[in-house]
C-alpha cells in the first residue's frame, strides 16, 4: 500500500475522488507550486474520520502493543 499519493493534475486532490484512497488511510498531495514566503505551497487531503480519529487510535494501539504496554492475558 502507498501512504502518500502525489497528483500532478492542477485540480487534484479532490474530496470526492481521493478521500478513500487506500481505504481512507492515504494522504493525497497536489497543486505543488513555488511560494515567495514559504518556499512552496501545496494542498493535502485525508479522510478525517479514518485517518484522523479512528486511524490514529489504531496506530496508537499498534505502537502500544509493539512497545509492550499492551499484552495478551
PDB file of N, CA and C in Angstrom:
ATOM      1  N   UNK A   1       0.834  -1.182   0.000  1.00  0.00           N
ATOM      2  CA  UNK A   1       0.000   0.000   0.000  1.00  0.00           C
ATOM      3  C   UNK A   1       0.877   1.243   0.000  1.00  0.00           C
ATOM      4  N   UNK A   2       0.302   2.308  -0.496  1.00  0.00           N
ATOM      5  CA  UNK A   2       1.041   3.563  -0.601  1.00  0.00           C
ATOM      6  C   UNK A   2       0.391   4.598   0.312  1.00  0.00           C
ATOM      7  N   UNK A   3       1.133   5.093   1.273  1.00  0.00           N
ATOM      8  CA  UNK A   3       0.621   6.049   2.253  1.00  0.00           C
ATOM      9  C   UNK A   3       0.414   7.437   1.646  1.00  0.00           C
ATOM     10  N   UNK A   4       1.337   7.895   0.816  1.00  0.00           N
ATOM     11  CA  UNK A   4       1.250   9.212   0.181  1.00  0.00           C
ATOM     12  C   UNK A   4       0.981   9.066  -1.309  1.00  0.00           C
ATOM     13  N   UNK A   5       0.062   9.865  -1.822  1.00  0.00           N
ATOM     14  CA  UNK A   5      -0.244   9.897  -3.254  1.00  0.00           C
ATOM     15  C   UNK A   5      -0.046  11.325  -3.744  1.00  0.00           C
ATOM     16  N   UNK A   6       0.843  11.511  -4.717  1.00  0.00           N
ATOM     17  CA  UNK A   6       1.081  12.844  -5.279  1.00  0.00           C
ATOM     18  C   UNK A   6       0.413  12.942  -6.646  1.00  0.00           C
ATOM     19  N   UNK A   7      -0.325  14.026  -6.863  1.00  0.00           N
ATOM     20  CA  UNK A   7      -1.018  14.268  -8.123  1.00  0.00           C
ATOM     21  C   UNK A   7      -0.421  15.483  -8.815  1.00  0.00           C
ATOM     22  N   UNK A   8      -0.133  15.353 -10.108  1.00  0.00           N
ATOM     23  CA  UNK A   8       0.382  16.471 -10.888  1.00  0.00           C
ATOM     24  C   UNK A   8      -0.728  17.274 -11.555  1.00  0.00           C
ATOM     25  N   UNK A   9      -1.943  16.745 -11.602  1.00  0.00           N
ATOM     26  CA  UNK A   9      -3.056  17.450 -12.220  1.00  0.00           C
ATOM     27  C   UNK A   9      -3.356  18.729 -11.435  1.00  0.00           C
ATOM     28  N   UNK A  10      -3.702  19.828 -12.125  1.00  0.00           N
ATOM     29  CA  UNK A  10      -3.919  21.110 -11.437  1.00  0.00           C
ATOM     30  C   UNK A  10      -5.187  21.162 -10.583  1.00  0.00           C
ATOM     31  N   UNK A  11      -6.086  20.190 -10.750  1.00  0.00           N
ATOM     32  CA  UNK A  11      -7.335  20.205  -9.992  1.00  0.00           C
ATOM     33  C   UNK A  11      -7.417  19.082  -8.954  1.00  0.00           C
ATOM     34  N   UNK A  12      -6.300  18.527  -8.572  1.00  0.00           N
ATOM     35  CA  UNK A  12      -6.279  17.441  -7.601  1.00  0.00           C
ATOM     36  C   UNK A  12      -5.386  17.819  -6.436  1.00  0.00           C
ATOM     37  N   UNK A  13      -5.622  17.316  -5.247  1.00  0.00           N
ATOM     38  CA  UNK A  13      -6.616  16.324  -4.880  1.00  0.00           C
ATOM     39  C   UNK A  13      -8.017  16.924  -4.748  1.00  0.00           C
ATOM     40  N   UNK A  14      -9.006  16.053  -4.872  1.00  0.00           N
ATOM     41  CA  UNK A  14     -10.411  16.419  -4.708  1.00  0.00           C
ATOM     42  C   UNK A  14     -11.056  15.457  -3.713  1.00  0.00           C
ATOM     43  N   UNK A  15     -11.882  16.001  -2.852  1.00  0.00           N
ATOM     44  CA  UNK A  15     -12.518  15.183  -1.807  1.00  0.00           C
ATOM     45  C   UNK A  15     -13.252  13.976  -2.365  1.00  0.00           C
ATOM     46  N   UNK A  16     -14.097  14.191  -3.356  1.00  0.00           N
ATOM     47  CA  UNK A  16     -14.900  13.078  -3.892  1.00  0.00           C
ATOM     48  C   UNK A  16     -14.048  11.989  -4.521  1.00  0.00           C
ATOM     49  N   UNK A  17     -12.974  12.373  -5.164  1.00  0.00           N
ATOM     50  CA  UNK A  17     -12.165  11.406  -5.902  1.00  0.00           C
ATOM     51  C   UNK A  17     -11.088  10.743  -5.051  1.00  0.00           C
ATOM     52  N   UNK A  18     -10.572  11.444  -4.063  1.00  0.00           N
ATOM     53  CA  UNK A  18      -9.346  10.987  -3.408  1.00  0.00           C
ATOM     54  C   UNK A  18      -9.456  10.660  -1.925  1.00  0.00           C
ATOM     55  N   UNK A  19     -10.577  10.911  -1.293  1.00  0.00           N
ATOM     56  CA  UNK A  19     -10.653  10.711   0.159  1.00  0.00           C
ATOM     57  C   UNK A  19     -10.569   9.243   0.568  1.00  0.00           C
ATOM     58  N   UNK A  20     -10.965   8.329  -0.305  1.00  0.00           N
ATOM     59  CA  UNK A  20     -10.984   6.913   0.061  1.00  0.00           C
ATOM     60  C   UNK A  20      -9.794   6.115  -0.475  1.00  0.00           C
ATOM     61  N   UNK A  21      -8.757   6.794  -0.929  1.00  0.00           N
ATOM     62  CA  UNK A  21      -7.567   6.074  -1.396  1.00  0.00           C
ATOM     63  C   UNK A  21      -6.985   5.247  -0.258  1.00  0.00           C
ATOM     64  N   UNK A  22      -6.568   4.049  -0.580  1.00  0.00           N
ATOM     65  CA  UNK A  22      -6.032   3.100   0.415  1.00  0.00           C
ATOM     66  C   UNK A  22      -7.025   2.914   1.570  1.00  0.00           C
ATOM     67  N   UNK A  23      -8.297   2.817   1.205  1.00  0.00           N
ATOM     68  CA  UNK A  23      -9.392   2.650   2.171  1.00  0.00           C
ATOM     69  C   UNK A  23      -9.423   3.780   3.204  1.00  0.00           C
ATOM     70  N   UNK A  24      -9.125   4.995   2.762  1.00  0.00           N
ATOM     71  CA  UNK A  24      -9.217   6.164   3.622  1.00  0.00           C
ATOM     72  C   UNK A  24      -7.991   6.451   4.456  1.00  0.00           C
ATOM     73  N   UNK A  25      -6.943   5.635   4.337  1.00  0.00           N
ATOM     74  CA  UNK A  25      -5.758   5.817   5.173  1.00  0.00           C
ATOM     75  C   UNK A  25      -4.626   6.557   4.472  1.00  0.00           C
ATOM     76  N   UNK A  26      -4.799   6.924   3.208  1.00  0.00           N
ATOM     77  CA  UNK A  26      -3.746   7.626   2.470  1.00  0.00           C
ATOM     78  C   UNK A  26      -3.901   9.138   2.609  1.00  0.00           C
ATOM     79  N   UNK A  27      -2.821   9.836   2.337  1.00  0.00           N
ATOM     80  CA  UNK A  27      -2.821  11.296   2.265  1.00  0.00           C
ATOM     81  C   UNK A  27      -2.536  11.667   0.816  1.00  0.00           C
ATOM     82  N   UNK A  28      -3.413  12.493   0.239  1.00  0.00           N
ATOM     83  CA  UNK A  28      -3.247  12.944  -1.146  1.00  0.00           C
ATOM     84  C   UNK A  28      -2.613  14.325  -1.145  1.00  0.00           C
ATOM     85  N   UNK A  29      -1.630  14.515  -2.014  1.00  0.00           N
ATOM     86  CA  UNK A  29      -0.906  15.785  -2.100  1.00  0.00           C
ATOM     87  C   UNK A  29      -0.936  16.252  -3.543  1.00  0.00           C
ATOM     88  N   UNK A  30      -1.127  17.549  -3.745  1.00  0.00           N
ATOM     89  CA  UNK A  30      -1.137  18.091  -5.098  1.00  0.00           C
ATOM     90  C   UNK A  30      -1.015  19.598  -5.108  1.00  0.00           C
ATOM     91  N   UNK A  31      -1.082  20.156  -6.315  1.00  0.00           N
ATOM     92  CA  UNK A  31      -1.000  21.603  -6.543  1.00  0.00           C
ATOM     93  C   UNK A  31       0.261  22.220  -5.950  1.00  0.00           C
ATOM     94  N   UNK A  32       1.352  21.489  -6.037  1.00  0.00           N
ATOM     95  CA  UNK A  32       2.641  21.977  -5.545  1.00  0.00           C
ATOM     96  C   UNK A  32       3.105  23.127  -6.418  1.00  0.00           C
ATOM     97  N   UNK A  33       3.462  24.248  -5.789  1.00  0.00           N
ATOM     98  CA  UNK A  33       3.910  25.419  -6.539  1.00  0.00           C
ATOM     99  C   UNK A  33       4.863  26.238  -5.686  1.00  0.00           C
ATOM    100  N   UNK A  34       5.764  26.974  -6.335  1.00  0.00           N
ATOM    101  CA  UNK A  34       6.696  27.833  -5.592  1.00  0.00           C
ATOM    102  C   UNK A  34       5.950  28.953  -4.864  1.00  0.00           C
ATOM    103  N   UNK A  35       6.525  29.381  -3.758  1.00  0.00           N
ATOM    104  CA  UNK A  35       5.947  30.472  -2.980  1.00  0.00           C
ATOM    105  C   UNK A  35       7.077  31.348  -2.452  1.00  0.00           C
ATOM    106  N   UNK A  36       6.878  32.639  -2.473  1.00  0.00           N
ATOM    107  CA  UNK A  36       7.943  33.554  -2.042  1.00  0.00           C
ATOM    108  C   UNK A  36       8.101  33.592  -0.527  1.00  0.00           C
ATOM    109  N   UNK A  37       7.050  33.312   0.220  1.00  0.00           N
ATOM    110  CA  UNK A  37       7.130  33.387   1.676  1.00  0.00           C
ATOM    111  C   UNK A  37       7.543  32.063   2.321  1.00  0.00           C
ATOM    112  N   UNK A  38       7.005  30.950   1.832  1.00  0.00           N
ATOM    113  CA  UNK A  38       7.257  29.648   2.461  1.00  0.00           C
ATOM    114  C   UNK A  38       8.013  28.667   1.566  1.00  0.00           C
ATOM    115  N   UNK A  39       8.592  29.112   0.503  1.00  0.00           N
ATOM    116  CA  UNK A  39       9.289  28.286  -0.493  1.00  0.00           C
ATOM    117  C   UNK A  39       8.324  27.513  -1.392  1.00  0.00           C
ATOM    118  N   UNK A  40       7.383  26.771  -0.805  1.00  0.00           N
ATOM    119  CA  UNK A  40       6.405  26.019  -1.594  1.00  0.00           C
ATOM    120  C   UNK A  40       5.031  26.069  -0.940  1.00  0.00           C
ATOM    121  N   UNK A  41       3.999  25.951  -1.772  1.00  0.00           N
ATOM    122  CA  UNK A  41       2.621  25.775  -1.319  1.00  0.00           C
ATOM    123  C   UNK A  41       2.116  24.473  -1.914  1.00  0.00           C
ATOM    124  N   UNK A  42       1.194  23.814  -1.213  1.00  0.00           N
ATOM    125  CA  UNK A  42       0.601  22.586  -1.723  1.00  0.00           C
ATOM    126  C   UNK A  42      -0.710  22.330  -0.993  1.00  0.00           C
ATOM    127  N   UNK A  43      -1.478  21.401  -1.515  1.00  0.00           N
ATOM    128  CA  UNK A  43      -2.749  21.010  -0.917  1.00  0.00           C
ATOM    129  C   UNK A  43      -2.642  19.552  -0.481  1.00  0.00           C
ATOM    130  N   UNK A  44      -3.067  19.268   0.742  1.00  0.00           N
ATOM    131  CA  UNK A  44      -3.115  17.898   1.255  1.00  0.00           C
ATOM    132  C   UNK A  44      -4.559  17.550   1.583  1.00  0.00           C
ATOM    133  N   UNK A  45      -4.896  16.294   1.380  1.00  0.00           N
ATOM    134  CA  UNK A  45      -6.247  15.822   1.662  1.00  0.00           C
ATOM    135  C   UNK A  45      -6.160  14.459   2.334  1.00  0.00           C
ATOM    136  N   UNK A  46      -6.913  14.291   3.401  1.00  0.00           N
ATOM    137  CA  UNK A  46      -7.014  12.978   4.039  1.00  0.00           C
ATOM    138  C   UNK A  46      -8.440  12.799   4.537  1.00  0.00           C
ATOM    139  N   UNK A  47      -8.818  11.563   4.773  1.00  0.00           N
ATOM    140  CA  UNK A  47     -10.147  11.254   5.289  1.00  0.00           C
ATOM    141  C   UNK A  47     -10.092  11.459   6.799  1.00  0.00           C
ATOM    142  N   UNK A  48     -10.747  12.490   7.293  1.00  0.00           N
ATOM    143  CA  UNK A  48     -10.618  12.863   8.700  1.00  0.00           C
ATOM    144  C   UNK A  48     -11.083  11.766   9.648  1.00  0.00           C
ATOM    145  N   UNK A  49     -12.167  11.104   9.337  1.00  0.00           N
ATOM    146  CA  UNK A  49     -12.673  10.073  10.239  1.00  0.00           C
ATOM    147  C   UNK A  49     -11.729   8.881  10.291  1.00  0.00           C
ATOM    148  N   UNK A  50     -11.292   8.417   9.130  1.00  0.00           N
ATOM    149  CA  UNK A  50     -10.448   7.218   9.103  1.00  0.00           C
ATOM    150  C   UNK A  50      -9.000   7.528   9.442  1.00  0.00           C
ATOM    151  N   UNK A  51      -8.422   8.517   8.789  1.00  0.00           N
ATOM    152  CA  UNK A  51      -7.020   8.845   9.028  1.00  0.00           C
ATOM    153  C   UNK A  51      -6.873   9.610  10.333  1.00  0.00           C
ATOM    154  N   UNK A  52      -7.918  10.320  10.720  1.00  0.00           N
ATOM    155  CA  UNK A  52      -7.885  11.131  11.931  1.00  0.00           C
ATOM    156  C   UNK A  52      -8.103  10.302  13.180  1.00  0.00           C
ATOM    157  N   UNK A  53      -9.314  10.359  13.702  1.00  0.00           N
ATOM    158  CA  UNK A  53      -9.611   9.749  14.998  1.00  0.00           C
ATOM    159  C   UNK A  53      -9.449   8.232  14.999  1.00  0.00           C
ATOM    160  N   UNK A  54     -10.161   7.550  14.121  1.00  0.00           N
ATOM    161  CA  UNK A  54     -10.127   6.085  14.125  1.00  0.00           C
ATOM    162  C   UNK A  54      -8.758   5.555  13.721  1.00  0.00           C
ATOM    163  N   UNK A  55      -8.202   6.109  12.660  1.00  0.00           N
ATOM    164  CA  UNK A  55      -6.882   5.658  12.204  1.00  0.00           C
ATOM    165  C   UNK A  55      -5.804   5.926  13.233  1.00  0.00           C
ATOM    166  N   UNK A  56      -5.890   7.079  13.875  1.00  0.00           N
ATOM    167  CA  UNK A  56      -4.918   7.420  14.912  1.00  0.00           C
ATOM    168  C   UNK A  56      -5.009   6.480  16.101  1.00  0.00           C
ATOM    169  N   UNK A  57      -6.225   6.099  16.475  1.00  0.00           N
ATOM    170  CA  UNK A  57      -6.411   5.169  17.590  1.00  0.00           C
ATOM    171  C   UNK A  57      -5.818   3.801  17.273  1.00  0.00           C
ATOM    172  N   UNK A  58      -6.017   3.338  16.051  1.00  0.00           N
ATOM    173  CA  UNK A  58      -5.453   2.046  15.647  1.00  0.00           C
ATOM    174  C   UNK A  58      -3.930   2.104  15.650  1.00  0.00           C
ATOM    175  N   UNK A  59      -3.364   3.169  15.087  1.00  0.00           N
ATOM    176  CA  UNK A  59      -1.906   3.302  15.065  1.00  0.00           C
ATOM    177  C   UNK A  59      -1.338   3.378  16.479  1.00  0.00           C
ATOM    178  N   UNK A  60      -2.015   4.094  17.371  1.00  0.00           N
ATOM    179  CA  UNK A  60      -1.565   4.190  18.757  1.00  0.00           C
ATOM    180  C   UNK A  60      -1.621   2.828  19.441  1.00  0.00           C
ATOM    181  N   UNK A  61      -2.699   2.076  19.225  1.00  0.00           N
ATOM    182  CA  UNK A  61      -2.813   0.743  19.816  1.00  0.00           C
ATOM    183  C   UNK A  61      -1.706  -0.181  19.305  1.00  0.00           C
ATOM    184  N   UNK A  62      -1.404  -0.101  18.017  1.00  0.00           N
ATOM    185  CA  UNK A  62      -0.320  -0.918  17.461  1.00  0.00           C
ATOM    186  C   UNK A  62       1.019  -0.546  18.085  1.00  0.00           C
ATOM    187  N   UNK A  63       1.261   0.743  18.282  1.00  0.00           N
ATOM    188  CA  UNK A  63       2.506   1.187  18.911  1.00  0.00           C
ATOM    189  C   UNK A  63       2.589   0.699  20.353  1.00  0.00           C
ATOM    190  N   UNK A  64       1.499   0.823  21.101  1.00  0.00           N
ATOM    191  CA  UNK A  64       1.497   0.366  22.488  1.00  0.00           C
ATOM    192  C   UNK A  64       1.758  -1.133  22.582  1.00  0.00           C
ATOM    193  N   UNK A  65       1.212  -1.917  21.663  1.00  0.00           N
ATOM    194  CA  UNK A  65       1.497  -3.361  21.633  1.00  0.00           C
ATOM    195  C   UNK A  65       2.963  -3.617  21.323  1.00  0.00           C
ATOM    196  N   UNK A  66       3.479  -2.911  20.331  1.00  0.00           N
ATOM    197  CA  UNK A  66       4.875  -3.107  19.923  1.00  0.00           C
ATOM    198  C   UNK A  66       5.849  -2.724  21.036  1.00  0.00           C
ATOM    199  N   UNK A  67       5.482  -1.727  21.838  1.00  0.00           N
ATOM    200  CA  UNK A  67       6.355  -1.273  22.928  1.00  0.00           C
ATOM    201  C   UNK A  67       6.152  -2.064  24.219  1.00  0.00           C
ATOM    202  N   UNK A  68       5.200  -2.997  24.222  1.00  0.00           N
ATOM    203  CA  UNK A  68       4.989  -3.847  25.384  1.00  0.00           C
ATOM    204  C   UNK A  68       4.048  -3.298  26.437  1.00  0.00           C
ATOM    205  N   UNK A  69       3.372  -2.196  26.166  1.00  0.00           N
ATOM    206  CA  UNK A  69       2.428  -1.637  27.133  1.00  0.00           C
ATOM    207  C   UNK A  69       1.115  -2.410  27.170  1.00  0.00           C
ATOM    208  N   UNK A  70       0.784  -3.072  26.073  1.00  0.00           N
ATOM    209  CA  UNK A  70      -0.420  -3.897  25.999  1.00  0.00           C
ATOM    210  C   UNK A  70       0.023  -5.315  25.670  1.00  0.00           C
ATOM    211  N   UNK A  71      -0.396  -6.270  26.506  1.00  0.00           N
ATOM    212  CA  UNK A  71      -0.029  -7.671  26.278  1.00  0.00           C
ATOM    213  C   UNK A  71      -1.270  -8.545  26.371  1.00  0.00           C
ATOM    214  N   UNK A  72      -1.164  -9.765  25.843  1.00  0.00           N
ATOM    215  CA  UNK A  72      -2.260 -10.732  25.944  1.00  0.00           C
ATOM    216  C   UNK A  72      -2.287 -11.318  27.341  1.00  0.00           C
ATOM    217  N   UNK A  73      -3.483 -11.653  27.788  1.00  0.00           N
ATOM    218  CA  UNK A  73      -3.625 -12.294  29.107  1.00  0.00           C
ATOM    219  C   UNK A  73      -3.582 -13.781  28.970  1.00  0.00           C
TER     220      UNK A  73
END
